[in-house]
Amino acid sequence: MDRFEILYEPTGTYSIFDRYTELPVTVEGRTLIGLHRHEVPLALLAAAMEPDSGMPSLPLLSGCQSYEYQRDDLQA
């Protein structure tokens, strides 16, 4: 996925940019800016899918829930 770049914004959210056009990626009418950390993998996958690949389209971020915080520490 060399075409896309994930940027961490000063607001604490993420954006996905197209390196070829240098513009934010848009999928299913949604511009991929202001994403929460847990939304990035699904959004990136949806952006990478070719419309004529024969694969069913993913409903963008349909099952994601917003969380107040993200814990980055792992516990053994």
C-alpha atoms as a PDB file:
ATOM      1  CA  MET A   1       0.000   0.000   0.000  1.00  0.00           C
ATOM      2  CA  ASP A   2       2.685   2.433  -1.014  1.00  0.00           C
ATOM      3  CA  ARG A   3       0.089   4.676  -2.598  1.00  0.00           C
ATOM      4  CA  PHE A   4      -1.409   5.836   0.706  1.00  0.00           C
ATOM      5  CA  GLU A   5       0.128   7.775   3.554  1.00  0.00           C
ATOM      6  CA  ILE A   6      -1.344   7.870   7.051  1.00  0.00           C
ATOM      7  CA  LEU A   7      -0.778  11.176   8.798  1.00  0.00           C
ATOM      8  CA  TYR A   8      -1.181  11.866  12.497  1.00  0.00           C
ATOM      9  CA  GLU A   9      -2.811  15.262  12.823  1.00  0.00           C
ATOM     10  CA  PRO A  10      -2.217  17.827  15.613  1.00  0.00           C
ATOM     11  CA  THR A  11      -5.837  17.283  16.683  1.00  0.00           C
ATOM     12  CA  GLY A  12      -5.022  13.686  17.694  1.00  0.00           C
ATOM     13  CA  THR A  13      -6.826  12.165  14.712  1.00  0.00           C
ATOM     14  CA  TYR A  14      -5.532  10.566  11.522  1.00  0.00           C
ATOM     15  CA  SER A  15      -5.867  11.315   7.818  1.00  0.00           C
ATOM     16  CA  ILE A  16      -5.150   9.143   4.800  1.00  0.00           C
ATOM     17  CA  PHE A  17      -3.597  10.866   1.794  1.00  0.00           C
ATOM     18  CA  ASP A  18      -3.003   9.630  -1.749  1.00  0.00           C
ATOM     19  CA  ARG A  19       0.698  10.035  -2.520  1.00  0.00           C
ATOM     20  CA  TYR A  20       0.016  10.303  -6.275  1.00  0.00           C
ATOM     21  CA  THR A  21      -2.500  13.161  -6.098  1.00  0.00           C
ATOM     22  CA  GLU A  22      -1.332  14.575  -2.728  1.00  0.00           C
ATOM     23  CA  LEU A  23      -4.997  14.911  -1.739  1.00  0.00           C
ATOM     24  CA  PRO A  24      -6.992  13.272   1.064  1.00  0.00           C
ATOM     25  CA  VAL A  25      -8.504   9.946  -0.007  1.00  0.00           C
ATOM     26  CA  THR A  26     -12.269   9.802  -0.487  1.00  0.00           C
ATOM     27  CA  VAL A  27     -14.154   6.493  -0.221  1.00  0.00           C
ATOM     28  CA  GLU A  28     -17.914   6.147  -0.683  1.00  0.00           C
ATOM     29  CA  GLY A  29     -18.301   9.927  -0.463  1.00  0.00           C
ATOM     30  CA  ARG A  30     -16.371  10.264   2.797  1.00  0.00           C
ATOM     31  CA  THR A  31     -13.048  12.073   2.907  1.00  0.00           C
ATOM     32  CA  LEU A  32     -10.680  10.119   5.130  1.00  0.00           C
ATOM     33  CA  ILE A  33      -9.653  12.867   7.526  1.00  0.00           C
ATOM     34  CA  GLY A  34     -10.385  13.173  11.230  1.00  0.00           C
ATOM     35  CA  LEU A  35     -10.287   9.409  11.767  1.00  0.00           C
ATOM     36  CA  HIS A  36      -9.857   7.842  15.177  1.00  0.00           C
ATOM     37  CA  ARG A  37      -7.019   5.350  15.526  1.00  0.00           C
ATOM     38  CA  HIS A  38      -9.322   2.312  15.474  1.00  0.00           C
ATOM     39  CA  GLU A  39     -10.937   3.502  12.210  1.00  0.00           C
ATOM     40  CA  VAL A  40      -7.683   3.687  10.217  1.00  0.00           C
ATOM     41  CA  PRO A  41      -7.200  -0.021   9.288  1.00  0.00           C
ATOM     42  CA  LEU A  42     -10.695  -0.451   7.831  1.00  0.00           C
ATOM     43  CA  ALA A  43     -10.538   2.914   6.060  1.00  0.00           C
ATOM     44  CA  LEU A  44      -7.162   2.035   4.565  1.00  0.00           C
ATOM     45  CA  LEU A  45      -8.478  -1.318   3.390  1.00  0.00           C
ATOM     46  CA  ALA A  46     -11.518   0.321   1.794  1.00  0.00           C
ATOM     47  CA  ALA A  47      -9.274   2.877   0.062  1.00  0.00           C
ATOM     48  CA  ALA A  48      -7.023   0.150  -1.325  1.00  0.00           C
ATOM     49  CA  MET A  49      -9.857  -1.862  -2.864  1.00  0.00           C
ATOM     50  CA  GLU A  50     -10.258  -1.532  -6.618  1.00  0.00           C
ATOM     51  CA  PRO A  51     -13.843  -0.809  -7.699  1.00  0.00           C
ATOM     52  CA  ASP A  52     -13.614  -3.428 -10.488  1.00  0.00           C
ATOM     53  CA  SER A  53     -11.742  -6.084  -8.493  1.00  0.00           C
ATOM     54  CA  GLY A  54     -14.804  -8.296  -8.162  1.00  0.00           C
ATOM     55  CA  MET A  55     -14.642  -8.105  -4.383  1.00  0.00           C
ATOM     56  CA  PRO A  56     -17.741  -6.905  -2.546  1.00  0.00           C
ATOM     57  CA  SER A  57     -17.420  -3.345  -1.332  1.00  0.00           C
ATOM     58  CA  LEU A  58     -16.987  -2.724   2.377  1.00  0.00           C
ATOM     59  CA  PRO A  59     -19.439  -0.445   4.102  1.00  0.00           C
ATOM     60  CA  LEU A  60     -16.944   2.131   5.302  1.00  0.00           C
ATOM     61  CA  LEU A  61     -16.527   2.175   9.059  1.00  0.00           C
ATOM     62  CA  SER A  62     -20.049   0.861   9.544  1.00  0.00           C
ATOM     63  CA  GLY A  63     -19.327  -1.220  12.615  1.00  0.00           C
ATOM     64  CA  CYS A  64     -16.859   1.123  14.292  1.00  0.00           C
ATOM     65  CA  GLN A  65     -17.675   2.738  17.567  1.00  0.00           C
ATOM     66  CA  SER A  66     -15.998   5.854  18.831  1.00  0.00           C
ATOM     67  CA  TYR A  67     -14.103   5.566  22.087  1.00  0.00           C
ATOM     68  CA  GLU A  68     -13.158   8.370  24.440  1.00  0.00           C
ATOM     69  CA  TYR A  69      -9.578   7.112  24.781  1.00  0.00           C
ATOM     70  CA  GLN A  70      -7.182   4.517  23.394  1.00  0.00           C
ATOM     71  CA  ARG A  71      -4.875   2.502  25.602  1.00  0.00           C
ATOM     72  CA  ASP A  72      -1.518   1.944  23.945  1.00  0.00           C
ATOM     73  CA  ASP A  73       0.039  -0.134  26.694  1.00  0.00           C
ATOM     74  CA  LEU A  74       0.002  -3.909  26.530  1.00  0.00           C
ATOM     75  CA  GLN A  75      -0.462  -5.999  29.602  1.00  0.00           C
ATOM     76  CA  ALA A  76       0.989  -9.487  29.978  1.00  0.00           C
END
